Amino acid sequence: MTDQPRRRLVLASQSPARLGLLRQAGLDPEVIVSGVDEDAVSAPTPAELALALAEAKASVVAARPEVQGALVIGCDSVLDLDGEALGKPADAEEATARWKAMRGRVGTLQTGHCVYDTTAKRYASATASTVVRFGEPTDAEIAAYVASGEPLHVAGAFTLDGRSAPFIEGIDGDHGTVIGISLPLVRHLLAELGVGITELWTPREK
């Protein structure tokens, strides 16, 4: 009896943080960026927007001929602050205003996940939510953080695995959701499609 070949895995995201989390969990996906125009996607709530974006990214990549036979993972994150959906800030001015508005408050990071099985032509999707308690950085600290350029590249203008980590007092929920991908949720979505996550692990080097 021979082992079944390991399924090909594709990440429809250019986020190094998502790729890093997947690799730490024993997965080694190829990266194929979807090119979805995020501004063209809308939804009634931040959670639904994050899910719609994840589904759009996964389905666009899954439709490409070169990925047939693969499992495609699409993700997108949106910060829900009082019902307003906040993605990546457009510029340094917006990032500064965002942080001044967020400090001392509580928001919810919504991360949509979609796993598309190109062989079965079906997908499973869901949104993971994590509450984030922001600290109170000074104006000088905010200015220094914005000058680093980091907040322009992350949803909500912050991340737990970068320079803004000292400005986050705590979270309630899965930290991976905030970084960009919830590994427990990925496992559940794969299971819905009949795939065990351990089947996708890369072999350990001897």
N, C-alpha and C. Protein backbone atom coordinates (compact mmCIF):
# COMPACT_ATOMS: atom_id res chain seq x y z
N MET A 1 0.85 -1.20 0.00
CA MET A 1 0.00 0.00 0.00
C MET A 1 0.88 1.25 0.00
N THR A 2 0.67 2.16 -0.94
CA THR A 2 1.49 3.37 -1.03
C THR A 2 0.75 4.55 -0.43
N ASP A 3 1.52 5.48 0.10
CA ASP A 3 0.91 6.68 0.67
C ASP A 3 0.34 7.55 -0.43
N GLN A 4 -0.79 8.20 -0.10
CA GLN A 4 -1.37 9.15 -1.04
C GLN A 4 -0.45 10.37 -1.16
N PRO A 5 -0.28 10.92 -2.37
CA PRO A 5 0.55 12.11 -2.50
C PRO A 5 -0.07 13.29 -1.74
N ARG A 6 0.77 14.12 -1.15
CA ARG A 6 0.29 15.27 -0.39
C ARG A 6 -0.34 16.28 -1.32
N ARG A 7 -1.52 16.80 -0.92
CA ARG A 7 -2.22 17.77 -1.74
C ARG A 7 -1.41 19.06 -1.86
N ARG A 8 -1.46 19.65 -3.01
CA ARG A 8 -0.82 20.94 -3.24
C ARG A 8 -1.64 22.03 -2.53
N LEU A 9 -0.94 22.94 -1.87
CA LEU A 9 -1.59 24.00 -1.11
C LEU A 9 -1.16 25.35 -1.65
N VAL A 10 -2.13 26.23 -1.87
CA VAL A 10 -1.84 27.56 -2.40
C VAL A 10 -2.43 28.61 -1.46
N LEU A 11 -1.64 29.62 -1.14
CA LEU A 11 -2.11 30.74 -0.33
C LEU A 11 -2.36 31.93 -1.24
N ALA A 12 -3.63 32.37 -1.28
CA ALA A 12 -4.00 33.48 -2.17
C ALA A 12 -3.82 34.81 -1.44
N SER A 13 -2.60 35.04 -0.96
CA SER A 13 -2.30 36.25 -0.19
C SER A 13 -0.81 36.53 -0.26
N GLN A 14 -0.44 37.80 -0.30
CA GLN A 14 0.97 38.16 -0.30
C GLN A 14 1.48 38.47 1.11
N SER A 15 0.65 38.21 2.13
CA SER A 15 1.02 38.52 3.51
C SER A 15 2.12 37.60 4.02
N PRO A 16 3.28 38.14 4.35
CA PRO A 16 4.34 37.29 4.92
C PRO A 16 3.97 36.74 6.29
N ALA A 17 3.12 37.47 7.02
CA ALA A 17 2.70 37.00 8.34
C ALA A 17 1.85 35.74 8.22
N ARG A 18 0.91 35.71 7.26
CA ARG A 18 0.08 34.51 7.06
C ARG A 18 0.95 33.33 6.63
N LEU A 19 1.85 33.59 5.70
CA LEU A 19 2.73 32.53 5.23
C LEU A 19 3.57 31.99 6.38
N GLY A 20 4.06 32.89 7.22
CA GLY A 20 4.89 32.47 8.35
C GLY A 20 4.13 31.59 9.33
N LEU A 21 2.89 31.95 9.63
CA LEU A 21 2.09 31.14 10.55
C LEU A 21 1.83 29.75 9.98
N LEU A 22 1.52 29.67 8.69
CA LEU A 22 1.26 28.38 8.06
C LEU A 22 2.53 27.51 8.08
N ARG A 23 3.65 28.12 7.81
CA ARG A 23 4.91 27.36 7.82
C ARG A 23 5.25 26.86 9.21
N GLN A 24 4.99 27.68 10.24
CA GLN A 24 5.24 27.26 11.61
C GLN A 24 4.37 26.07 11.99
N ALA A 25 3.21 25.95 11.33
CA ALA A 25 2.28 24.86 11.62
C ALA A 25 2.55 23.63 10.74
N GLY A 26 3.67 23.62 10.03
CA GLY A 26 4.03 22.45 9.24
C GLY A 26 3.53 22.44 7.82
N LEU A 27 2.98 23.57 7.36
CA LEU A 27 2.47 23.68 5.99
C LEU A 27 3.42 24.55 5.16
N ASP A 28 3.48 24.30 3.88
CA ASP A 28 4.38 25.10 3.04
C ASP A 28 3.68 25.43 1.72
N PRO A 29 2.72 26.35 1.76
CA PRO A 29 1.96 26.67 0.55
C PRO A 29 2.74 27.49 -0.46
N GLU A 30 2.35 27.35 -1.70
CA GLU A 30 2.81 28.29 -2.72
C GLU A 30 2.01 29.58 -2.55
N VAL A 31 2.58 30.69 -2.95
CA VAL A 31 1.87 31.96 -2.85
C VAL A 31 1.49 32.45 -4.24
N ILE A 32 0.20 32.67 -4.45
CA ILE A 32 -0.30 33.25 -5.70
C ILE A 32 -1.26 34.37 -5.33
N VAL A 33 -0.87 35.59 -5.62
CA VAL A 33 -1.68 36.76 -5.24
C VAL A 33 -2.88 36.87 -6.17
N SER A 34 -4.04 37.15 -5.60
CA SER A 34 -5.29 37.14 -6.37
C SER A 34 -5.44 38.34 -7.29
N GLY A 35 -4.98 39.49 -6.84
CA GLY A 35 -5.18 40.72 -7.61
C GLY A 35 -6.59 41.27 -7.51
N VAL A 36 -7.38 40.80 -6.54
CA VAL A 36 -8.74 41.30 -6.36
C VAL A 36 -8.72 42.77 -5.96
N ASP A 37 -9.58 43.57 -6.57
CA ASP A 37 -9.72 44.98 -6.22
C ASP A 37 -10.57 45.06 -4.94
N GLU A 38 -9.91 45.24 -3.81
CA GLU A 38 -10.62 45.21 -2.53
C GLU A 38 -11.64 46.34 -2.41
N ASP A 39 -11.38 47.46 -3.03
CA ASP A 39 -12.30 48.59 -2.96
C ASP A 39 -13.62 48.32 -3.68
N ALA A 40 -13.60 47.33 -4.59
CA ALA A 40 -14.81 47.01 -5.36
C ALA A 40 -15.73 46.04 -4.63
N VAL A 41 -15.27 45.52 -3.48
CA VAL A 41 -16.06 44.56 -2.71
C VAL A 41 -16.74 45.28 -1.54
N SER A 42 -18.02 45.03 -1.36
CA SER A 42 -18.75 45.67 -0.25
C SER A 42 -19.62 44.64 0.46
N ALA A 43 -19.98 44.97 1.70
CA ALA A 43 -20.84 44.09 2.50
C ALA A 43 -21.44 44.92 3.63
N PRO A 44 -22.55 44.46 4.22
CA PRO A 44 -23.25 45.25 5.24
C PRO A 44 -22.47 45.46 6.54
N THR A 45 -21.62 44.48 6.92
CA THR A 45 -20.91 44.58 8.19
C THR A 45 -19.42 44.28 7.97
N PRO A 46 -18.56 44.70 8.91
CA PRO A 46 -17.14 44.38 8.78
C PRO A 46 -16.86 42.88 8.69
N ALA A 47 -17.58 42.07 9.49
CA ALA A 47 -17.37 40.62 9.46
C ALA A 47 -17.73 40.04 8.09
N GLU A 48 -18.84 40.51 7.53
CA GLU A 48 -19.27 40.03 6.22
C GLU A 48 -18.33 40.52 5.11
N LEU A 49 -17.78 41.71 5.30
CA LEU A 49 -16.83 42.24 4.32
C LEU A 49 -15.56 41.39 4.30
N ALA A 50 -15.05 41.06 5.49
CA ALA A 50 -13.84 40.24 5.57
C ALA A 50 -14.08 38.89 4.90
N LEU A 51 -15.27 38.32 5.12
CA LEU A 51 -15.58 37.01 4.51
C LEU A 51 -15.72 37.13 3.00
N ALA A 52 -16.39 38.18 2.53
CA ALA A 52 -16.57 38.37 1.09
C ALA A 52 -15.23 38.54 0.39
N LEU A 53 -14.31 39.26 1.01
CA LEU A 53 -12.99 39.47 0.42
C LEU A 53 -12.20 38.16 0.38
N ALA A 54 -12.28 37.38 1.45
CA ALA A 54 -11.58 36.09 1.49
C ALA A 54 -12.12 35.15 0.41
N GLU A 55 -13.44 35.10 0.28
CA GLU A 55 -14.04 34.23 -0.74
C GLU A 55 -13.68 34.69 -2.15
N ALA A 56 -13.64 36.00 -2.34
CA ALA A 56 -13.28 36.53 -3.67
C ALA A 56 -11.85 36.16 -4.03
N LYS A 57 -10.95 36.32 -3.09
CA LYS A 57 -9.54 36.03 -3.36
C LYS A 57 -9.32 34.55 -3.63
N ALA A 58 -9.95 33.70 -2.81
CA ALA A 58 -9.78 32.25 -3.00
C ALA A 58 -10.38 31.80 -4.33
N SER A 59 -11.55 32.30 -4.68
CA SER A 59 -12.21 31.85 -5.91
C SER A 59 -11.48 32.33 -7.16
N VAL A 60 -10.93 33.54 -7.12
CA VAL A 60 -10.19 34.05 -8.28
C VAL A 60 -8.95 33.19 -8.55
N VAL A 61 -8.22 32.89 -7.49
CA VAL A 61 -7.02 32.06 -7.67
C VAL A 61 -7.40 30.63 -8.03
N ALA A 62 -8.47 30.10 -7.42
CA ALA A 62 -8.89 28.72 -7.70
C ALA A 62 -9.32 28.52 -9.15
N ALA A 63 -9.74 29.61 -9.81
CA ALA A 63 -10.19 29.51 -11.20
C ALA A 63 -9.03 29.44 -12.19
N ARG A 64 -7.83 29.68 -11.75
CA ARG A 64 -6.69 29.68 -12.67
C ARG A 64 -6.31 28.25 -13.06
N PRO A 65 -6.05 28.02 -14.33
CA PRO A 65 -5.73 26.65 -14.80
C PRO A 65 -4.53 26.04 -14.09
N GLU A 66 -3.55 26.87 -13.75
CA GLU A 66 -2.31 26.33 -13.16
C GLU A 66 -2.47 25.84 -11.73
N VAL A 67 -3.61 26.11 -11.09
CA VAL A 67 -3.78 25.64 -9.71
C VAL A 67 -4.78 24.51 -9.60
N GLN A 68 -5.22 23.96 -10.71
CA GLN A 68 -6.20 22.87 -10.65
C GLN A 68 -5.62 21.67 -9.90
N GLY A 69 -6.42 21.13 -8.99
CA GLY A 69 -5.98 20.03 -8.15
C GLY A 69 -5.50 20.48 -6.78
N ALA A 70 -5.36 21.80 -6.61
CA ALA A 70 -4.84 22.33 -5.36
C ALA A 70 -5.95 22.73 -4.40
N LEU A 71 -5.57 22.92 -3.16
CA LEU A 71 -6.41 23.54 -2.15
C LEU A 71 -5.94 24.99 -2.03
N VAL A 72 -6.88 25.92 -2.14
CA VAL A 72 -6.53 27.34 -2.12
C VAL A 72 -7.09 27.98 -0.86
N ILE A 73 -6.23 28.71 -0.15
CA ILE A 73 -6.66 29.42 1.06
C ILE A 73 -6.66 30.92 0.78
N GLY A 74 -7.83 31.55 1.00
CA GLY A 74 -7.93 32.99 0.87
C GLY A 74 -8.29 33.59 2.22
N CYS A 75 -7.67 34.72 2.56
CA CYS A 75 -7.96 35.39 3.83
C CYS A 75 -8.00 36.90 3.64
N ASP A 76 -8.74 37.56 4.49
CA ASP A 76 -8.69 39.01 4.54
C ASP A 76 -9.13 39.49 5.91
N SER A 77 -8.48 40.55 6.39
CA SER A 77 -8.76 41.06 7.73
C SER A 77 -9.30 42.49 7.67
N VAL A 78 -10.24 42.77 8.56
CA VAL A 78 -10.84 44.10 8.68
C VAL A 78 -11.03 44.39 10.17
N LEU A 79 -10.67 45.59 10.60
CA LEU A 79 -10.91 45.98 11.98
C LEU A 79 -12.30 46.59 12.10
N ASP A 80 -13.08 46.05 13.02
CA ASP A 80 -14.41 46.57 13.33
C ASP A 80 -14.28 47.50 14.53
N LEU A 81 -14.39 48.81 14.28
CA LEU A 81 -14.33 49.80 15.35
C LEU A 81 -15.66 50.53 15.36
N ASP A 82 -16.50 50.19 16.33
CA ASP A 82 -17.84 50.77 16.43
C ASP A 82 -18.66 50.56 15.15
N GLY A 83 -18.52 49.38 14.54
CA GLY A 83 -19.30 49.06 13.35
C GLY A 83 -18.71 49.55 12.04
N GLU A 84 -17.61 50.30 12.12
CA GLU A 84 -16.97 50.79 10.90
C GLU A 84 -15.87 49.82 10.49
N ALA A 85 -15.81 49.49 9.20
CA ALA A 85 -14.80 48.56 8.69
C ALA A 85 -13.54 49.33 8.31
N LEU A 86 -12.43 49.00 8.97
CA LEU A 86 -11.17 49.68 8.73
C LEU A 86 -10.15 48.68 8.19
N GLY A 87 -9.70 48.92 6.97
CA GLY A 87 -8.67 48.07 6.38
C GLY A 87 -7.31 48.74 6.51
N LYS A 88 -6.49 48.64 5.47
CA LYS A 88 -5.19 49.30 5.49
C LYS A 88 -5.38 50.80 5.29
N PRO A 89 -4.70 51.64 6.07
CA PRO A 89 -4.82 53.09 5.86
C PRO A 89 -4.21 53.49 4.53
N ALA A 90 -4.78 54.52 3.91
CA ALA A 90 -4.34 54.94 2.58
C ALA A 90 -2.99 55.63 2.61
N ASP A 91 -2.71 56.33 3.71
CA ASP A 91 -1.46 57.08 3.79
C ASP A 91 -1.10 57.33 5.25
N ALA A 92 0.03 58.01 5.46
CA ALA A 92 0.52 58.25 6.82
C ALA A 92 -0.45 59.11 7.62
N GLU A 93 -1.07 60.06 6.97
CA GLU A 93 -2.02 60.94 7.67
C GLU A 93 -3.20 60.13 8.21
N GLU A 94 -3.72 59.22 7.37
CA GLU A 94 -4.84 58.39 7.83
C GLU A 94 -4.41 57.44 8.93
N ALA A 95 -3.21 56.88 8.83
CA ALA A 95 -2.70 55.98 9.86
C ALA A 95 -2.58 56.70 11.20
N THR A 96 -2.11 57.94 11.17
CA THR A 96 -1.97 58.72 12.39
C THR A 96 -3.33 59.00 13.02
N ALA A 97 -4.29 59.43 12.19
CA ALA A 97 -5.64 59.70 12.70
C ALA A 97 -6.28 58.44 13.24
N ARG A 98 -6.02 57.31 12.58
CA ARG A 98 -6.58 56.03 13.01
C ARG A 98 -6.09 55.67 14.41
N TRP A 99 -4.79 55.79 14.62
CA TRP A 99 -4.23 55.42 15.91
C TRP A 99 -4.72 56.35 17.02
N LYS A 100 -4.86 57.62 16.71
CA LYS A 100 -5.36 58.56 17.72
C LYS A 100 -6.81 58.25 18.08
N ALA A 101 -7.54 57.71 17.12
CA ALA A 101 -8.94 57.33 17.37
C ALA A 101 -9.03 56.00 18.12
N MET A 102 -8.07 55.09 17.89
CA MET A 102 -8.14 53.75 18.48
C MET A 102 -7.61 53.69 19.90
N ARG A 103 -6.67 54.55 20.25
CA ARG A 103 -5.99 54.38 21.53
C ARG A 103 -6.96 54.46 22.71
N GLY A 104 -6.74 53.53 23.64
CA GLY A 104 -7.59 53.45 24.81
C GLY A 104 -8.94 52.80 24.56
N ARG A 105 -9.16 52.29 23.36
CA ARG A 105 -10.46 51.73 23.02
C ARG A 105 -10.36 50.23 22.71
N VAL A 106 -11.50 49.67 22.39
CA VAL A 106 -11.57 48.24 22.08
C VAL A 106 -12.17 48.07 20.69
N GLY A 107 -11.55 47.22 19.88
CA GLY A 107 -12.07 46.91 18.55
C GLY A 107 -12.10 45.41 18.35
N THR A 108 -12.66 44.97 17.24
CA THR A 108 -12.69 43.54 16.92
C THR A 108 -12.06 43.31 15.56
N LEU A 109 -11.02 42.49 15.53
CA LEU A 109 -10.38 42.18 14.26
C LEU A 109 -11.13 41.00 13.64
N GLN A 110 -11.73 41.23 12.49
CA GLN A 110 -12.47 40.20 11.76
C GLN A 110 -11.59 39.67 10.63
N THR A 111 -11.35 38.37 10.63
CA THR A 111 -10.56 37.78 9.55
C THR A 111 -11.38 36.71 8.84
N GLY A 112 -11.69 36.98 7.58
CA GLY A 112 -12.42 36.02 6.76
C GLY A 112 -11.48 34.95 6.24
N HIS A 113 -11.96 33.72 6.19
CA HIS A 113 -11.18 32.58 5.69
C HIS A 113 -12.02 31.83 4.67
N CYS A 114 -11.38 31.42 3.60
CA CYS A 114 -12.04 30.57 2.60
C CYS A 114 -11.05 29.53 2.10
N VAL A 115 -11.43 28.27 2.19
CA VAL A 115 -10.61 27.19 1.63
C VAL A 115 -11.37 26.59 0.45
N TYR A 116 -10.75 26.64 -0.71
CA TYR A 116 -11.39 26.19 -1.95
C TYR A 116 -10.69 24.92 -2.46
N ASP A 117 -11.46 23.87 -2.61
CA ASP A 117 -10.94 22.62 -3.15
C ASP A 117 -11.20 22.61 -4.65
N THR A 118 -10.15 22.79 -5.43
CA THR A 118 -10.33 22.89 -6.89
C THR A 118 -10.65 21.55 -7.53
N THR A 119 -10.38 20.46 -6.83
CA THR A 119 -10.73 19.14 -7.36
C THR A 119 -12.22 18.89 -7.22
N ALA A 120 -12.75 19.15 -6.03
CA ALA A 120 -14.17 18.92 -5.76
C ALA A 120 -15.05 20.08 -6.23
N LYS A 121 -14.41 21.21 -6.58
CA LYS A 121 -15.14 22.42 -7.02
C LYS A 121 -16.10 22.91 -5.94
N ARG A 122 -15.64 22.91 -4.70
CA ARG A 122 -16.46 23.46 -3.63
C ARG A 122 -15.55 24.11 -2.58
N TYR A 123 -16.16 24.91 -1.72
CA TYR A 123 -15.36 25.61 -0.73
C TYR A 123 -16.07 25.65 0.61
N ALA A 124 -15.30 25.96 1.65
CA ALA A 124 -15.83 26.17 2.99
C ALA A 124 -15.27 27.51 3.47
N SER A 125 -16.10 28.30 4.14
CA SER A 125 -15.63 29.62 4.56
C SER A 125 -16.28 30.02 5.88
N ALA A 126 -15.58 30.91 6.61
CA ALA A 126 -16.09 31.42 7.89
C ALA A 126 -15.21 32.59 8.31
N THR A 127 -15.72 33.36 9.26
CA THR A 127 -14.97 34.49 9.79
C THR A 127 -14.59 34.24 11.23
N ALA A 128 -13.34 34.54 11.57
CA ALA A 128 -12.87 34.45 12.96
C ALA A 128 -12.80 35.86 13.53
N SER A 129 -13.19 36.02 14.80
CA SER A 129 -13.23 37.34 15.43
C SER A 129 -12.39 37.34 16.71
N THR A 130 -11.56 38.36 16.87
CA THR A 130 -10.77 38.51 18.09
C THR A 130 -10.86 39.94 18.58
N VAL A 131 -11.19 40.10 19.85
CA VAL A 131 -11.29 41.43 20.45
C VAL A 131 -9.89 41.94 20.77
N VAL A 132 -9.65 43.20 20.43
CA VAL A 132 -8.33 43.82 20.64
C VAL A 132 -8.50 45.03 21.56
N ARG A 133 -7.71 45.06 22.64
CA ARG A 133 -7.72 46.20 23.56
C ARG A 133 -6.49 47.05 23.31
N PHE A 134 -6.72 48.23 22.78
CA PHE A 134 -5.61 49.11 22.42
C PHE A 134 -5.10 49.87 23.64
N GLY A 135 -3.79 50.04 23.70
CA GLY A 135 -3.18 50.86 24.73
C GLY A 135 -3.31 52.33 24.39
N GLU A 136 -2.53 53.15 25.08
CA GLU A 136 -2.60 54.59 24.86
C GLU A 136 -1.23 55.15 24.53
N PRO A 137 -0.72 54.85 23.31
CA PRO A 137 0.57 55.42 22.92
C PRO A 137 0.49 56.94 22.84
N THR A 138 1.61 57.59 23.13
CA THR A 138 1.66 59.05 23.05
C THR A 138 1.66 59.49 21.59
N ASP A 139 1.44 60.78 21.37
CA ASP A 139 1.50 61.32 20.01
C ASP A 139 2.87 61.04 19.39
N ALA A 140 3.92 61.16 20.20
CA ALA A 140 5.28 60.92 19.70
C ALA A 140 5.46 59.46 19.30
N GLU A 141 4.91 58.55 20.11
CA GLU A 141 5.02 57.12 19.77
C GLU A 141 4.24 56.80 18.50
N ILE A 142 3.07 57.39 18.37
CA ILE A 142 2.28 57.18 17.15
C ILE A 142 3.04 57.70 15.93
N ALA A 143 3.63 58.89 16.07
CA ALA A 143 4.38 59.47 14.95
C ALA A 143 5.54 58.58 14.56
N ALA A 144 6.25 58.04 15.55
CA ALA A 144 7.38 57.16 15.26
C ALA A 144 6.92 55.87 14.58
N TYR A 145 5.79 55.34 15.06
CA TYR A 145 5.28 54.11 14.47
C TYR A 145 4.84 54.33 13.03
N VAL A 146 4.13 55.40 12.77
CA VAL A 146 3.69 55.70 11.41
C VAL A 146 4.89 55.93 10.50
N ALA A 147 5.93 56.59 11.02
CA ALA A 147 7.14 56.85 10.22
C ALA A 147 7.86 55.56 9.84
N SER A 148 7.63 54.48 10.62
CA SER A 148 8.27 53.19 10.29
C SER A 148 7.69 52.59 9.02
N GLY A 149 6.49 53.04 8.64
CA GLY A 149 5.84 52.52 7.43
C GLY A 149 5.01 51.28 7.65
N GLU A 150 5.18 50.62 8.78
CA GLU A 150 4.48 49.35 9.03
C GLU A 150 2.95 49.46 8.97
N PRO A 151 2.35 50.49 9.59
CA PRO A 151 0.88 50.50 9.62
C PRO A 151 0.21 50.65 8.27
N LEU A 152 0.96 51.06 7.25
CA LEU A 152 0.38 51.22 5.92
C LEU A 152 0.16 49.89 5.22
N HIS A 153 0.72 48.82 5.79
CA HIS A 153 0.68 47.53 5.12
C HIS A 153 -0.17 46.48 5.84
N VAL A 154 -0.85 46.91 6.93
CA VAL A 154 -1.62 45.93 7.71
C VAL A 154 -3.03 46.44 7.99
N ALA A 155 -3.98 45.52 8.03
CA ALA A 155 -5.37 45.88 8.30
C ALA A 155 -5.50 46.51 9.67
N GLY A 156 -6.24 47.61 9.75
CA GLY A 156 -6.41 48.28 11.02
C GLY A 156 -5.25 49.13 11.44
N ALA A 157 -4.18 49.14 10.65
CA ALA A 157 -2.97 49.93 10.93
C ALA A 157 -2.18 49.41 12.12
N PHE A 158 -2.34 48.12 12.45
CA PHE A 158 -1.57 47.54 13.55
C PHE A 158 -1.40 46.05 13.33
N THR A 159 -0.45 45.47 14.07
CA THR A 159 -0.28 44.03 14.05
C THR A 159 0.32 43.58 15.37
N LEU A 160 0.12 42.32 15.72
CA LEU A 160 0.66 41.79 16.97
C LEU A 160 2.09 41.31 16.84
N ASP A 161 2.56 41.14 15.62
CA ASP A 161 3.91 40.58 15.43
C ASP A 161 4.87 41.62 14.86
N GLY A 162 4.62 42.89 15.19
CA GLY A 162 5.49 43.95 14.67
C GLY A 162 5.71 45.04 15.70
N ARG A 163 6.00 46.24 15.20
CA ARG A 163 6.36 47.35 16.09
C ARG A 163 5.19 47.90 16.91
N SER A 164 3.98 47.57 16.51
CA SER A 164 2.83 48.05 17.27
C SER A 164 2.47 47.14 18.44
N ALA A 165 3.14 46.00 18.58
CA ALA A 165 2.83 45.06 19.66
C ALA A 165 2.86 45.70 21.04
N PRO A 166 3.80 46.61 21.35
CA PRO A 166 3.80 47.22 22.68
C PRO A 166 2.60 48.13 22.94
N PHE A 167 1.88 48.49 21.88
CA PHE A 167 0.73 49.38 22.03
C PHE A 167 -0.60 48.62 22.15
N ILE A 168 -0.53 47.29 22.20
CA ILE A 168 -1.72 46.45 22.35
C ILE A 168 -1.72 45.89 23.76
N GLU A 169 -2.73 46.27 24.54
CA GLU A 169 -2.78 45.83 25.94
C GLU A 169 -3.16 44.37 26.09
N GLY A 170 -3.96 43.85 25.16
CA GLY A 170 -4.36 42.45 25.23
C GLY A 170 -5.41 42.12 24.20
N ILE A 171 -5.68 40.83 24.07
CA ILE A 171 -6.70 40.37 23.12
C ILE A 171 -7.56 39.30 23.78
N ASP A 172 -8.74 39.11 23.25
CA ASP A 172 -9.63 38.03 23.67
C ASP A 172 -9.96 37.23 22.42
N GLY A 173 -9.30 36.07 22.29
CA GLY A 173 -9.50 35.25 21.10
C GLY A 173 -8.18 34.73 20.57
N ASP A 174 -8.22 34.21 19.38
CA ASP A 174 -7.04 33.61 18.73
C ASP A 174 -6.12 34.71 18.21
N HIS A 175 -4.86 34.69 18.65
CA HIS A 175 -3.91 35.72 18.18
C HIS A 175 -3.68 35.62 16.68
N GLY A 176 -3.80 34.40 16.13
CA GLY A 176 -3.59 34.22 14.69
C GLY A 176 -4.59 35.00 13.86
N THR A 177 -5.79 35.15 14.38
CA THR A 177 -6.81 35.95 13.69
C THR A 177 -6.31 37.36 13.46
N VAL A 178 -5.61 37.92 14.46
CA VAL A 178 -5.10 39.29 14.37
C VAL A 178 -3.89 39.35 13.44
N ILE A 179 -3.04 38.36 13.52
CA ILE A 179 -1.86 38.34 12.65
C ILE A 179 -2.28 38.12 11.19
N GLY A 180 -3.39 37.40 10.99
CA GLY A 180 -3.88 37.26 9.63
C GLY A 180 -4.52 35.95 9.25
N ILE A 181 -4.32 34.91 10.08
CA ILE A 181 -4.95 33.63 9.75
C ILE A 181 -5.11 32.79 11.02
N SER A 182 -6.32 32.27 11.24
CA SER A 182 -6.60 31.43 12.40
C SER A 182 -6.36 29.97 12.03
N LEU A 183 -5.32 29.38 12.58
CA LEU A 183 -5.01 27.99 12.24
C LEU A 183 -6.09 27.01 12.69
N PRO A 184 -6.70 27.21 13.88
CA PRO A 184 -7.81 26.31 14.24
C PRO A 184 -8.97 26.38 13.26
N LEU A 185 -9.28 27.60 12.77
CA LEU A 185 -10.38 27.72 11.81
C LEU A 185 -10.01 27.08 10.48
N VAL A 186 -8.76 27.23 10.05
CA VAL A 186 -8.31 26.57 8.81
C VAL A 186 -8.49 25.06 8.94
N ARG A 187 -8.15 24.52 10.10
CA ARG A 187 -8.32 23.08 10.32
C ARG A 187 -9.78 22.68 10.18
N HIS A 188 -10.69 23.46 10.78
CA HIS A 188 -12.12 23.14 10.70
C HIS A 188 -12.64 23.22 9.26
N LEU A 189 -12.19 24.24 8.52
CA LEU A 189 -12.66 24.39 7.14
C LEU A 189 -12.13 23.26 6.26
N LEU A 190 -10.89 22.86 6.48
CA LEU A 190 -10.35 21.72 5.73
C LEU A 190 -11.16 20.46 6.04
N ALA A 191 -11.51 20.29 7.31
CA ALA A 191 -12.28 19.11 7.71
C ALA A 191 -13.65 19.10 7.03
N GLU A 192 -14.26 20.28 6.86
CA GLU A 192 -15.54 20.35 6.15
C GLU A 192 -15.42 19.83 4.73
N LEU A 193 -14.23 19.99 4.16
CA LEU A 193 -13.97 19.54 2.79
C LEU A 193 -13.41 18.11 2.75
N GLY A 194 -13.34 17.47 3.91
CA GLY A 194 -12.87 16.10 3.97
C GLY A 194 -11.36 15.96 3.94
N VAL A 195 -10.66 17.01 4.33
CA VAL A 195 -9.19 16.99 4.32
C VAL A 195 -8.68 17.17 5.75
N GLY A 196 -7.82 16.28 6.19
CA GLY A 196 -7.19 16.42 7.50
C GLY A 196 -5.95 17.28 7.39
N ILE A 197 -5.77 18.21 8.32
CA ILE A 197 -4.64 19.14 8.20
C ILE A 197 -3.30 18.41 8.28
N THR A 198 -3.26 17.31 9.00
CA THR A 198 -2.00 16.57 9.11
C THR A 198 -1.59 15.95 7.78
N GLU A 199 -2.56 15.75 6.88
CA GLU A 199 -2.26 15.21 5.55
C GLU A 199 -1.45 16.20 4.72
N LEU A 200 -1.47 17.48 5.14
CA LEU A 200 -0.80 18.53 4.38
C LEU A 200 0.55 18.91 4.97
N TRP A 201 0.89 18.30 6.11
CA TRP A 201 2.18 18.64 6.72
C TRP A 201 3.33 18.26 5.79
N THR A 202 4.34 19.10 5.79
CA THR A 202 5.55 18.77 5.04
C THR A 202 6.38 17.81 5.86
N PRO A 203 7.08 16.89 5.23
CA PRO A 203 7.89 15.92 5.99
C PRO A 203 8.99 16.63 6.77
N ARG A 204 9.25 16.15 7.97
CA ARG A 204 10.36 16.70 8.76
C ARG A 204 11.69 16.25 8.17
N GLU A 205 12.64 17.17 8.18
CA GLU A 205 13.98 16.79 7.70
C GLU A 205 14.65 15.90 8.75
N LYS A 206 15.29 14.85 8.29
CA LYS A 206 15.96 13.91 9.22
C LYS A 206 17.36 14.41 9.54
